[in-house]
Amino acid sequence: MTPGELLTVLWSRLTGTPHGLSASIDTVVFNVRGPRIVAAVLVGAALAAAGAAYQGLFRNPLVSPDILGVSTGAALGAVTGIYLSLGVVAIQSLAFVVGLGAVAVVYATGAALRRHDPILILVLAGIVIGTLLGSLVSLLKYLADPYNQLPAITFWLLGSLASVTIGDVKAVTPSVVLGLIPLVLLRWRMNVMTLGEDEARALGVDTRRLRLAVIAAATLMTAGVVSISGVVGWIGLLVPHLARFLVGPDFRRLLPASILLGAGYLLGVDTLARTIARIEIPLGVLTAFIGAPFFIWVLAASRRGWQ
C-alpha cells in the first residue's frame, strides 16, 4: 500500500464514497493494521497517564500503575478465564473486573488502617495483595494444561496486541475516556497534592476524596487497557519521568505530555515487535529491554538538569 492509497481509503470511509481500490486494502486498514495501531496509542496513553497520576499522588517517582495490584489482578482474571477455557470476551471481562476488584480490596485495607500514614498503607497493601494475586497466578499456571492452556497463559502475561480487534478498541475506549476526564478536571489539585497531606489540607483540598477519585480514574484506565493488551510494563514508570524532564512537574502540562509520549512510545515498540525479528516479540519483553537503559539515561539527564 502507498500513502496515497491509504489516504484514499480513509477519505472514502469518511465520506461514504467508493474508492475504486482492491477490497483487501479495506481489510488491511480497518481490520488488521488499524485496530492494532489505535490500540497501541490507547494503551500507551492510558498507562502513561495513570503512571503520572500515581507518581504525583503518592509523591514517589518509582510508582507505576500496577502499584495497587491492578495489573496483577487483571492477570489473575485473564489466567482464570484461560484456565476455564472461556471465550475471548469472557477473558477480557474477567481481567477488567478482577483488576478493579483488586484495587478495591487494597483501598478498603488502607481505609481500615487509616490511623496510620494513608499513602504508606496503600502502597504496602498494594504490594501485599499484588504478591498474593501473583501467587494465585503461579498456582493456575502450575495446574494448567502444559500443551494448550499454559502457552496461552504465558503469551498473555508477556503482553501483545496481535489479536486486538476493532471491537476490543471500542470496548475499552469508554473506560479510558472516563478515567481521563477526572484527571483533566483535577489537574490543578494534583499540583497541591505534591506538597504533602498537611499542606494540601491547609489549602482547602479534601485529600481523601481527591485520592479516591484519582485512584479510581487511573485504575479504571489501567484495568481497561490491560484487559486487551496483557501486562505491559515500564510505560507507566518511564514515560512520566521523560515527560517531567521535558515539560516540568506541573501536572497541567505533565498529563498531556505523558499521554502523547506514552502513545508514541508504545506505537514504536509495537512496530519493533512486529518487524525486528522473523517472529513477533512480546511487548513486555521489548518494553523492559528498551525501558531499563532508557530509564537510567533519563535519570542521569534529569540529575544533570537539576544540578
C-alpha atoms as a PDB file:
ATOM      1  CA  MET A   1       0.000   0.000   0.000  1.00  0.00           C
ATOM      2  CA  THR A   2       1.152   3.504  -0.811  1.00  0.00           C
ATOM      3  CA  PRO A   3       0.420   6.558   1.352  1.00  0.00           C
ATOM      4  CA  GLY A   4      -1.873   7.806  -1.388  1.00  0.00           C
ATOM      5  CA  GLU A   5      -3.929   4.632  -1.294  1.00  0.00           C
ATOM      6  CA  LEU A   6      -4.177   4.857   2.487  1.00  0.00           C
ATOM      7  CA  LEU A   7      -5.465   8.429   2.309  1.00  0.00           C
ATOM      8  CA  THR A   8      -7.913   7.449  -0.420  1.00  0.00           C
ATOM      9  CA  VAL A   9      -9.334   4.598   1.663  1.00  0.00           C
ATOM     10  CA  LEU A  10      -9.654   6.797   4.767  1.00  0.00           C
ATOM     11  CA  TRP A  11     -11.331   9.588   2.798  1.00  0.00           C
ATOM     12  CA  SER A  12     -13.709   7.062   1.259  1.00  0.00           C
ATOM     13  CA  ARG A  13     -14.695   5.780   4.704  1.00  0.00           C
ATOM     14  CA  LEU A  14     -15.274   9.328   5.990  1.00  0.00           C
ATOM     15  CA  THR A  15     -17.349  10.483   3.036  1.00  0.00           C
ATOM     16  CA  GLY A  16     -19.066   7.208   2.150  1.00  0.00           C
ATOM     17  CA  THR A  17     -17.918   7.351  -1.481  1.00  0.00           C
ATOM     18  CA  PRO A  18     -16.373   4.340  -3.308  1.00  0.00           C
ATOM     19  CA  HIS A  19     -12.590   4.426  -3.668  1.00  0.00           C
ATOM     20  CA  GLY A  20     -12.206   2.010  -6.582  1.00  0.00           C
ATOM     21  CA  LEU A  21      -9.302   0.132  -4.995  1.00  0.00           C
ATOM     22  CA  SER A  22      -8.954  -3.512  -4.029  1.00  0.00           C
ATOM     23  CA  ALA A  23     -11.223  -4.733  -1.243  1.00  0.00           C
ATOM     24  CA  SER A  24      -8.203  -6.242   0.508  1.00  0.00           C
ATOM     25  CA  ILE A  25      -6.957  -2.729   1.277  1.00  0.00           C
ATOM     26  CA  ASP A  26     -10.094  -2.115   3.348  1.00  0.00           C
ATOM     27  CA  THR A  27      -9.423  -5.344   5.237  1.00  0.00           C
ATOM     28  CA  VAL A  28      -5.820  -4.389   5.977  1.00  0.00           C
ATOM     29  CA  VAL A  29      -6.610  -0.845   7.105  1.00  0.00           C
ATOM     30  CA  PHE A  30      -9.770  -1.404   9.126  1.00  0.00           C
ATOM     31  CA  ASN A  31      -9.442  -5.000  10.354  1.00  0.00           C
ATOM     32  CA  VAL A  32      -5.704  -5.735  10.647  1.00  0.00           C
ATOM     33  CA  ARG A  33      -3.422  -2.714  10.981  1.00  0.00           C
ATOM     34  CA  GLY A  34      -5.895  -0.024  12.003  1.00  0.00           C
ATOM     35  CA  PRO A  35      -7.223  -1.620  15.210  1.00  0.00           C
ATOM     36  CA  ARG A  36      -3.716  -2.540  16.325  1.00  0.00           C
ATOM     37  CA  ILE A  37      -2.375   0.985  15.797  1.00  0.00           C
ATOM     38  CA  VAL A  38      -5.314   2.560  17.622  1.00  0.00           C
ATOM     39  CA  ALA A  39      -4.951   0.027  20.449  1.00  0.00           C
ATOM     40  CA  ALA A  40      -1.227   0.781  20.812  1.00  0.00           C
ATOM     41  CA  VAL A  41      -1.945   4.506  21.041  1.00  0.00           C
ATOM     42  CA  LEU A  42      -4.790   3.937  23.509  1.00  0.00           C
ATOM     43  CA  VAL A  43      -2.872   1.533  25.770  1.00  0.00           C
ATOM     44  CA  GLY A  44       0.291   3.639  25.804  1.00  0.00           C
ATOM     45  CA  ALA A  45      -1.585   6.858  26.541  1.00  0.00           C
ATOM     46  CA  ALA A  46      -3.663   5.297  29.323  1.00  0.00           C
ATOM     47  CA  LEU A  47      -0.726   3.630  31.094  1.00  0.00           C
ATOM     48  CA  ALA A  48       1.409   6.775  30.902  1.00  0.00           C
ATOM     49  CA  ALA A  49      -1.415   8.988  32.208  1.00  0.00           C
ATOM     50  CA  ALA A  50      -2.088   6.551  35.052  1.00  0.00           C
ATOM     51  CA  GLY A  51       1.618   6.455  35.899  1.00  0.00           C
ATOM     52  CA  ALA A  52       1.848  10.248  36.022  1.00  0.00           C
ATOM     53  CA  ALA A  53      -1.225  10.398  38.272  1.00  0.00           C
ATOM     54  CA  TYR A  54       0.062   7.725  40.668  1.00  0.00           C
ATOM     55  CA  GLN A  55       3.529   9.270  40.902  1.00  0.00           C
ATOM     56  CA  GLY A  56       2.086  12.686  41.686  1.00  0.00           C
ATOM     57  CA  LEU A  57      -0.472  11.335  44.141  1.00  0.00           C
ATOM     58  CA  PHE A  58       1.989   9.173  46.084  1.00  0.00           C
ATOM     59  CA  ARG A  59       4.859  11.662  45.694  1.00  0.00           C
ATOM     60  CA  ASN A  60       7.074   8.762  44.694  1.00  0.00           C
ATOM     61  CA  PRO A  61       8.999   8.613  41.377  1.00  0.00           C
ATOM     62  CA  LEU A  62       9.169   4.813  41.496  1.00  0.00           C
ATOM     63  CA  VAL A  63       5.392   4.283  41.479  1.00  0.00           C
ATOM     64  CA  SER A  64       3.757   2.740  38.412  1.00  0.00           C
ATOM     65  CA  PRO A  65       0.133   1.847  37.513  1.00  0.00           C
ATOM     66  CA  ASP A  66       0.449  -1.655  38.949  1.00  0.00           C
ATOM     67  CA  ILE A  67       1.489  -0.442  42.422  1.00  0.00           C
ATOM     68  CA  LEU A  68      -2.032  -1.088  43.786  1.00  0.00           C
ATOM     69  CA  GLY A  69      -2.341  -4.529  42.244  1.00  0.00           C
ATOM     70  CA  VAL A  70      -4.454  -3.667  39.208  1.00  0.00           C
ATOM     71  CA  SER A  71      -2.137  -5.353  36.690  1.00  0.00           C
ATOM     72  CA  THR A  72      -1.730  -8.461  38.842  1.00  0.00           C
ATOM     73  CA  GLY A  73      -5.495  -8.590  39.412  1.00  0.00           C
ATOM     74  CA  ALA A  74      -6.155  -8.292  35.691  1.00  0.00           C
ATOM     75  CA  ALA A  75      -3.596 -11.034  35.083  1.00  0.00           C
ATOM     76  CA  LEU A  76      -5.350 -13.307  37.582  1.00  0.00           C
ATOM     77  CA  GLY A  77      -8.708 -12.671  35.904  1.00  0.00           C
ATOM     78  CA  ALA A  78      -7.361 -13.419  32.446  1.00  0.00           C
ATOM     79  CA  VAL A  79      -5.439 -16.509  33.587  1.00  0.00           C
ATOM     80  CA  THR A  80      -8.582 -17.798  35.314  1.00  0.00           C
ATOM     81  CA  GLY A  81     -10.553 -17.329  32.110  1.00  0.00           C
ATOM     82  CA  ILE A  82      -7.914 -19.170  30.071  1.00  0.00           C
ATOM     83  CA  TYR A  83      -7.751 -21.942  32.660  1.00  0.00           C
ATOM     84  CA  LEU A  84     -11.544 -22.369  32.461  1.00  0.00           C
ATOM     85  CA  SER A  85     -11.362 -22.361  28.633  1.00  0.00           C
ATOM     86  CA  LEU A  86     -13.642 -19.336  28.321  1.00  0.00           C
ATOM     87  CA  GLY A  87     -14.033 -17.156  25.254  1.00  0.00           C
ATOM     88  CA  VAL A  88     -12.029 -14.049  24.457  1.00  0.00           C
ATOM     89  CA  VAL A  89     -14.744 -11.649  25.631  1.00  0.00           C
ATOM     90  CA  ALA A  90     -15.123 -13.502  28.924  1.00  0.00           C
ATOM     91  CA  ILE A  91     -11.356 -13.493  29.480  1.00  0.00           C
ATOM     92  CA  GLN A  92     -11.143  -9.759  28.888  1.00  0.00           C
ATOM     93  CA  SER A  93     -14.157  -9.116  31.115  1.00  0.00           C
ATOM     94  CA  LEU A  94     -12.649 -11.179  33.939  1.00  0.00           C
ATOM     95  CA  ALA A  95      -9.355  -9.307  33.611  1.00  0.00           C
ATOM     96  CA  PHE A  96     -11.166  -5.975  33.831  1.00  0.00           C
ATOM     97  CA  VAL A  97     -13.401  -6.925  36.782  1.00  0.00           C
ATOM     98  CA  VAL A  98     -10.716  -8.672  38.857  1.00  0.00           C
ATOM     99  CA  GLY A  99      -8.290  -5.796  38.240  1.00  0.00           C
ATOM    100  CA  LEU A 100     -10.813  -3.307  39.614  1.00  0.00           C
ATOM    101  CA  GLY A 101     -11.656  -5.663  42.478  1.00  0.00           C
ATOM    102  CA  ALA A 102      -8.008  -5.961  43.490  1.00  0.00           C
ATOM    103  CA  VAL A 103      -7.663  -2.197  43.832  1.00  0.00           C
ATOM    104  CA  ALA A 104     -10.951  -2.046  45.749  1.00  0.00           C
ATOM    105  CA  VAL A 105      -9.554  -4.555  48.261  1.00  0.00           C
ATOM    106  CA  VAL A 106      -6.329  -2.564  48.559  1.00  0.00           C
ATOM    107  CA  TYR A 107      -8.191   0.690  49.122  1.00  0.00           C
ATOM    108  CA  ALA A 108     -10.537  -0.935  51.666  1.00  0.00           C
ATOM    109  CA  THR A 109      -7.473  -2.216  53.543  1.00  0.00           C
ATOM    110  CA  GLY A 110      -5.973   1.252  53.548  1.00  0.00           C
ATOM    111  CA  ALA A 111      -9.244   2.768  54.769  1.00  0.00           C
ATOM    112  CA  ALA A 112      -9.459   0.245  57.612  1.00  0.00           C
ATOM    113  CA  LEU A 113      -5.960   1.239  58.757  1.00  0.00           C
ATOM    114  CA  ARG A 114      -6.317   4.972  58.142  1.00  0.00           C
ATOM    115  CA  ARG A 115      -4.967   5.870  61.585  1.00  0.00           C
ATOM    116  CA  HIS A 116      -1.532   5.282  60.042  1.00  0.00           C
ATOM    117  CA  ASP A 117       0.048   7.130  57.113  1.00  0.00           C
ATOM    118  CA  PRO A 118      -2.587   6.631  54.350  1.00  0.00           C
ATOM    119  CA  ILE A 119      -0.099   6.776  51.467  1.00  0.00           C
ATOM    120  CA  LEU A 120       2.268   4.275  53.067  1.00  0.00           C
ATOM    121  CA  ILE A 121      -0.588   1.925  53.975  1.00  0.00           C
ATOM    122  CA  LEU A 122      -1.954   1.994  50.420  1.00  0.00           C
ATOM    123  CA  VAL A 123       1.432   1.186  48.910  1.00  0.00           C
ATOM    124  CA  LEU A 124       2.123  -1.615  51.392  1.00  0.00           C
ATOM    125  CA  ALA A 125      -1.372  -3.049  50.949  1.00  0.00           C
ATOM    126  CA  GLY A 126      -0.897  -2.944  47.186  1.00  0.00           C
ATOM    127  CA  ILE A 127       2.388  -4.839  47.457  1.00  0.00           C
ATOM    128  CA  VAL A 128       0.871  -7.475  49.751  1.00  0.00           C
ATOM    129  CA  ILE A 129      -2.309  -8.003  47.705  1.00  0.00           C
ATOM    130  CA  GLY A 130      -0.297  -7.999  44.476  1.00  0.00           C
ATOM    131  CA  THR A 131       2.022 -10.676  45.849  1.00  0.00           C
ATOM    132  CA  LEU A 132      -0.969 -12.791  46.901  1.00  0.00           C
ATOM    133  CA  LEU A 133      -2.603 -12.479  43.495  1.00  0.00           C
ATOM    134  CA  GLY A 134       0.707 -13.262  41.816  1.00  0.00           C
ATOM    135  CA  SER A 135       0.953 -16.488  43.800  1.00  0.00           C
ATOM    136  CA  LEU A 136      -2.545 -17.443  42.609  1.00  0.00           C
ATOM    137  CA  VAL A 137      -1.459 -16.802  39.019  1.00  0.00           C
ATOM    138  CA  SER A 138       1.540 -19.079  39.558  1.00  0.00           C
ATOM    139  CA  LEU A 139      -0.733 -21.771  41.010  1.00  0.00           C
ATOM    140  CA  LEU A 140      -3.026 -21.664  37.977  1.00  0.00           C
ATOM    141  CA  LYS A 141      -0.009 -21.868  35.663  1.00  0.00           C
ATOM    142  CA  TYR A 142       1.140 -24.952  37.566  1.00  0.00           C
ATOM    143  CA  LEU A 143      -2.305 -26.571  37.258  1.00  0.00           C
ATOM    144  CA  ALA A 144      -2.864 -25.603  33.615  1.00  0.00           C
ATOM    145  CA  ASP A 145      -2.641 -27.999  30.695  1.00  0.00           C
ATOM    146  CA  PRO A 146       1.008 -27.696  29.544  1.00  0.00           C
ATOM    147  CA  TYR A 147       0.118 -28.225  25.878  1.00  0.00           C
ATOM    148  CA  ASN A 148      -2.727 -25.736  25.387  1.00  0.00           C
ATOM    149  CA  GLN A 149      -3.504 -23.583  28.403  1.00  0.00           C
ATOM    150  CA  LEU A 150      -0.003 -22.892  29.700  1.00  0.00           C
ATOM    151  CA  PRO A 151       1.340 -21.442  26.417  1.00  0.00           C
ATOM    152  CA  ALA A 152      -1.740 -19.230  26.131  1.00  0.00           C
ATOM    153  CA  ILE A 153      -1.323 -18.026  29.717  1.00  0.00           C
ATOM    154  CA  THR A 154       2.378 -17.310  29.237  1.00  0.00           C
ATOM    155  CA  PHE A 155       1.765 -15.444  25.976  1.00  0.00           C
ATOM    156  CA  TRP A 156      -0.949 -13.285  27.572  1.00  0.00           C
ATOM    157  CA  LEU A 157       1.205 -12.404  30.571  1.00  0.00           C
ATOM    158  CA  LEU A 158       4.009 -11.209  28.286  1.00  0.00           C
ATOM    159  CA  GLY A 159       1.689  -8.712  26.583  1.00  0.00           C
ATOM    160  CA  SER A 160       0.705  -8.447  22.932  1.00  0.00           C
ATOM    161  CA  LEU A 161      -1.594  -6.540  20.583  1.00  0.00           C
ATOM    162  CA  ALA A 162      -1.543  -9.181  17.859  1.00  0.00           C
ATOM    163  CA  SER A 163      -5.118 -10.340  18.397  1.00  0.00           C
ATOM    164  CA  VAL A 164      -6.734  -6.955  19.088  1.00  0.00           C
ATOM    165  CA  THR A 165      -9.871  -6.242  17.061  1.00  0.00           C
ATOM    166  CA  ILE A 166     -11.864  -3.092  16.446  1.00  0.00           C
ATOM    167  CA  GLY A 167     -14.436  -4.453  18.905  1.00  0.00           C
ATOM    168  CA  ASP A 168     -11.782  -4.575  21.627  1.00  0.00           C
ATOM    169  CA  VAL A 169     -10.863  -0.963  20.945  1.00  0.00           C
ATOM    170  CA  LYS A 170     -14.486   0.125  21.139  1.00  0.00           C
ATOM    171  CA  ALA A 171     -14.944  -1.809  24.375  1.00  0.00           C
ATOM    172  CA  VAL A 172     -12.067  -0.175  26.288  1.00  0.00           C
ATOM    173  CA  THR A 173     -12.281   3.355  24.870  1.00  0.00           C
ATOM    174  CA  PRO A 174     -15.099   4.404  27.274  1.00  0.00           C
ATOM    175  CA  SER A 175     -13.071   3.300  30.317  1.00  0.00           C
ATOM    176  CA  VAL A 176     -10.058   5.296  29.113  1.00  0.00           C
ATOM    177  CA  VAL A 177     -12.150   8.399  28.427  1.00  0.00           C
ATOM    178  CA  LEU A 178     -13.981   8.127  31.761  1.00  0.00           C
ATOM    179  CA  GLY A 179     -10.626   7.794  33.509  1.00  0.00           C
ATOM    180  CA  LEU A 180      -9.036  10.755  31.765  1.00  0.00           C
ATOM    181  CA  ILE A 181     -11.889  13.187  32.462  1.00  0.00           C
ATOM    182  CA  PRO A 182     -11.374  13.347  36.270  1.00  0.00           C
ATOM    183  CA  LEU A 183      -7.600  13.665  35.844  1.00  0.00           C
ATOM    184  CA  VAL A 184      -8.062  16.608  33.489  1.00  0.00           C
ATOM    185  CA  LEU A 185     -10.617  18.291  35.746  1.00  0.00           C
ATOM    186  CA  LEU A 186      -8.494  17.788  38.882  1.00  0.00           C
ATOM    187  CA  ARG A 187      -5.129  18.605  37.334  1.00  0.00           C
ATOM    188  CA  TRP A 188      -4.542  21.749  39.412  1.00  0.00           C
ATOM    189  CA  ARG A 189      -5.384  19.908  42.637  1.00  0.00           C
ATOM    190  CA  MET A 190      -2.770  17.312  41.777  1.00  0.00           C
ATOM    191  CA  ASN A 191      -0.158  20.064  41.963  1.00  0.00           C
ATOM    192  CA  VAL A 192      -1.307  20.816  45.502  1.00  0.00           C
ATOM    193  CA  MET A 193      -1.074  17.138  46.472  1.00  0.00           C
ATOM    194  CA  THR A 194       2.646  17.141  45.708  1.00  0.00           C
ATOM    195  CA  LEU A 195       3.136  19.456  48.696  1.00  0.00           C
ATOM    196  CA  GLY A 196       2.031  16.776  51.150  1.00  0.00           C
ATOM    197  CA  GLU A 197      -1.119  15.833  53.049  1.00  0.00           C
ATOM    198  CA  ASP A 198      -0.992  18.556  55.700  1.00  0.00           C
ATOM    199  CA  GLU A 199      -0.156  21.357  53.270  1.00  0.00           C
ATOM    200  CA  ALA A 200      -2.897  20.264  50.857  1.00  0.00           C
ATOM    201  CA  ARG A 201      -5.491  20.228  53.648  1.00  0.00           C
ATOM    202  CA  ALA A 202      -4.347  23.671  54.777  1.00  0.00           C
ATOM    203  CA  LEU A 203      -5.010  24.927  51.252  1.00  0.00           C
ATOM    204  CA  GLY A 204      -8.566  23.580  51.359  1.00  0.00           C
ATOM    205  CA  VAL A 205      -8.155  20.333  49.405  1.00  0.00           C
ATOM    206  CA  ASP A 206     -10.115  17.306  50.568  1.00  0.00           C
ATOM    207  CA  THR A 207      -7.220  14.880  50.224  1.00  0.00           C
ATOM    208  CA  ARG A 208      -9.254  11.745  50.935  1.00  0.00           C
ATOM    209  CA  ARG A 209     -11.812  12.395  48.197  1.00  0.00           C
ATOM    210  CA  LEU A 210      -9.148  13.541  45.778  1.00  0.00           C
ATOM    211  CA  ARG A 211      -7.085  10.418  46.432  1.00  0.00           C
ATOM    212  CA  LEU A 212     -10.120   8.202  45.870  1.00  0.00           C
ATOM    213  CA  ALA A 213     -11.038   9.999  42.634  1.00  0.00           C
ATOM    214  CA  VAL A 214      -7.518   9.807  41.196  1.00  0.00           C
ATOM    215  CA  ILE A 215      -7.041   6.159  42.165  1.00  0.00           C
ATOM    216  CA  ALA A 216     -10.430   5.222  40.698  1.00  0.00           C
ATOM    217  CA  ALA A 217      -9.714   7.072  37.435  1.00  0.00           C
ATOM    218  CA  ALA A 218      -6.192   5.671  36.992  1.00  0.00           C
ATOM    219  CA  THR A 219      -7.319   2.157  37.925  1.00  0.00           C
ATOM    220  CA  LEU A 220     -10.246   2.253  35.510  1.00  0.00           C
ATOM    221  CA  MET A 221      -7.918   3.167  32.635  1.00  0.00           C
ATOM    222  CA  THR A 222      -5.278   0.609  33.582  1.00  0.00           C
ATOM    223  CA  ALA A 223      -7.721  -2.262  34.050  1.00  0.00           C
ATOM    224  CA  GLY A 224      -9.398  -1.471  30.745  1.00  0.00           C
ATOM    225  CA  VAL A 225      -6.287  -1.433  28.584  1.00  0.00           C
ATOM    226  CA  VAL A 226      -4.541  -4.327  30.360  1.00  0.00           C
ATOM    227  CA  SER A 227      -7.586  -6.492  29.659  1.00  0.00           C
ATOM    228  CA  ILE A 228      -6.857  -6.315  25.898  1.00  0.00           C
ATOM    229  CA  SER A 229      -3.061  -5.978  25.840  1.00  0.00           C
ATOM    230  CA  GLY A 230      -1.872  -8.175  28.685  1.00  0.00           C
ATOM    231  CA  VAL A 231       0.703  -6.992  31.184  1.00  0.00           C
ATOM    232  CA  VAL A 232       2.876  -4.326  29.529  1.00  0.00           C
ATOM    233  CA  GLY A 233       5.380  -2.893  31.982  1.00  0.00           C
ATOM    234  CA  TRP A 234       7.661   0.152  32.163  1.00  0.00           C
ATOM    235  CA  ILE A 235       5.396   2.585  30.308  1.00  0.00           C
ATOM    236  CA  GLY A 236       3.723   3.938  33.437  1.00  0.00           C
ATOM    237  CA  LEU A 237       7.104   4.218  35.150  1.00  0.00           C
ATOM    238  CA  LEU A 238       9.339   5.515  32.366  1.00  0.00           C
ATOM    239  CA  VAL A 239       7.159   7.861  30.315  1.00  0.00           C
ATOM    240  CA  PRO A 240       6.086  10.212  33.167  1.00  0.00           C
ATOM    241  CA  HIS A 241       9.773  10.664  34.054  1.00  0.00           C
ATOM    242  CA  LEU A 242      10.577  11.588  30.467  1.00  0.00           C
ATOM    243  CA  ALA A 243       7.605  13.953  30.306  1.00  0.00           C
ATOM    244  CA  ARG A 244       8.627  15.555  33.608  1.00  0.00           C
ATOM    245  CA  PHE A 245      12.137  16.035  32.248  1.00  0.00           C
ATOM    246  CA  LEU A 246      10.771  17.765  29.134  1.00  0.00           C
ATOM    247  CA  VAL A 247       7.919  19.937  30.474  1.00  0.00           C
ATOM    248  CA  GLY A 248       8.467  20.082  34.240  1.00  0.00           C
ATOM    249  CA  PRO A 249       6.416  18.797  37.183  1.00  0.00           C
ATOM    250  CA  ASP A 250       3.320  20.967  36.642  1.00  0.00           C
ATOM    251  CA  PHE A 251       0.550  18.371  36.253  1.00  0.00           C
ATOM    252  CA  ARG A 252      -1.349  20.633  33.841  1.00  0.00           C
ATOM    253  CA  ARG A 253       1.477  20.159  31.314  1.00  0.00           C
ATOM    254  CA  LEU A 254       2.713  16.808  32.593  1.00  0.00           C
ATOM    255  CA  LEU A 255      -0.558  14.958  31.895  1.00  0.00           C
ATOM    256  CA  PRO A 256      -0.902  15.818  28.168  1.00  0.00           C
ATOM    257  CA  ALA A 257       2.841  15.328  27.640  1.00  0.00           C
ATOM    258  CA  SER A 258       2.669  11.877  29.248  1.00  0.00           C
ATOM    259  CA  ILE A 259      -0.326  10.935  27.110  1.00  0.00           C
ATOM    260  CA  LEU A 260       1.404  11.911  23.859  1.00  0.00           C
ATOM    261  CA  LEU A 261       4.737  10.328  24.769  1.00  0.00           C
ATOM    262  CA  GLY A 262       3.107   7.132  26.035  1.00  0.00           C
ATOM    263  CA  ALA A 263       1.046   6.740  22.868  1.00  0.00           C
ATOM    264  CA  GLY A 264       4.061   7.297  20.621  1.00  0.00           C
ATOM    265  CA  TYR A 265       6.334   5.081  22.713  1.00  0.00           C
ATOM    266  CA  LEU A 266       4.097   2.009  22.673  1.00  0.00           C
ATOM    267  CA  LEU A 267       3.288   2.502  18.989  1.00  0.00           C
ATOM    268  CA  GLY A 268       7.016   2.481  18.235  1.00  0.00           C
ATOM    269  CA  VAL A 269       7.642  -0.545  20.452  1.00  0.00           C
ATOM    270  CA  ASP A 270       4.761  -2.443  18.842  1.00  0.00           C
ATOM    271  CA  THR A 271       6.175  -1.671  15.398  1.00  0.00           C
ATOM    272  CA  LEU A 272       9.533  -3.059  16.513  1.00  0.00           C
ATOM    273  CA  ALA A 273       7.805  -6.127  17.937  1.00  0.00           C
ATOM    274  CA  ARG A 274       6.326  -6.893  14.516  1.00  0.00           C
ATOM    275  CA  THR A 275       9.397  -6.156  12.393  1.00  0.00           C
ATOM    276  CA  ILE A 276      12.599  -6.685  14.391  1.00  0.00           C
ATOM    277  CA  ALA A 277      12.610 -10.485  14.028  1.00  0.00           C
ATOM    278  CA  ARG A 278      11.028 -13.251  11.966  1.00  0.00           C
ATOM    279  CA  ILE A 279       8.566 -13.937  14.780  1.00  0.00           C
ATOM    280  CA  GLU A 280       6.694 -11.345  16.786  1.00  0.00           C
ATOM    281  CA  ILE A 281       8.332 -10.450  20.106  1.00  0.00           C
ATOM    282  CA  PRO A 282       6.035  -9.940  23.132  1.00  0.00           C
ATOM    283  CA  LEU A 283       5.586  -6.324  24.154  1.00  0.00           C
ATOM    284  CA  GLY A 284       6.513  -6.964  27.779  1.00  0.00           C
ATOM    285  CA  VAL A 285       9.944  -8.205  26.716  1.00  0.00           C
ATOM    286  CA  LEU A 286      10.673  -5.223  24.472  1.00  0.00           C
ATOM    287  CA  THR A 287       9.374  -2.570  26.867  1.00  0.00           C
ATOM    288  CA  ALA A 288      11.650  -3.927  29.603  1.00  0.00           C
ATOM    289  CA  PHE A 289      14.638  -4.325  27.280  1.00  0.00           C
ATOM    290  CA  ILE A 290      14.274  -0.777  25.931  1.00  0.00           C
ATOM    291  CA  GLY A 291      12.879   0.839  29.056  1.00  0.00           C
ATOM    292  CA  ALA A 292      15.567  -0.149  31.567  1.00  0.00           C
ATOM    293  CA  PRO A 293      18.579   1.555  29.903  1.00  0.00           C
ATOM    294  CA  PHE A 294      16.401   4.438  28.710  1.00  0.00           C
ATOM    295  CA  PHE A 295      15.153   4.977  32.266  1.00  0.00           C
ATOM    296  CA  ILE A 296      18.746   5.119  33.522  1.00  0.00           C
ATOM    297  CA  TRP A 297      19.532   7.711  30.847  1.00  0.00           C
ATOM    298  CA  VAL A 298      16.505   9.816  31.798  1.00  0.00           C
ATOM    299  CA  LEU A 299      17.538   9.756  35.460  1.00  0.00           C
ATOM    300  CA  ALA A 300      21.091  10.771  34.581  1.00  0.00           C
ATOM    301  CA  ALA A 301      19.911  13.570  32.280  1.00  0.00           C
ATOM    302  CA  SER A 302      17.440  14.807  34.887  1.00  0.00           C
ATOM    303  CA  ARG A 303      20.184  14.830  37.502  1.00  0.00           C
ATOM    304  CA  ARG A 304      22.401  16.983  35.299  1.00  0.00           C
ATOM    305  CA  GLY A 305      19.459  19.308  34.695  1.00  0.00           C
ATOM    306  CA  TRP A 306      18.801  19.688  38.428  1.00  0.00           C
ATOM    307  CA  GLN A 307      22.454  20.438  39.122  1.00  0.00           C
END
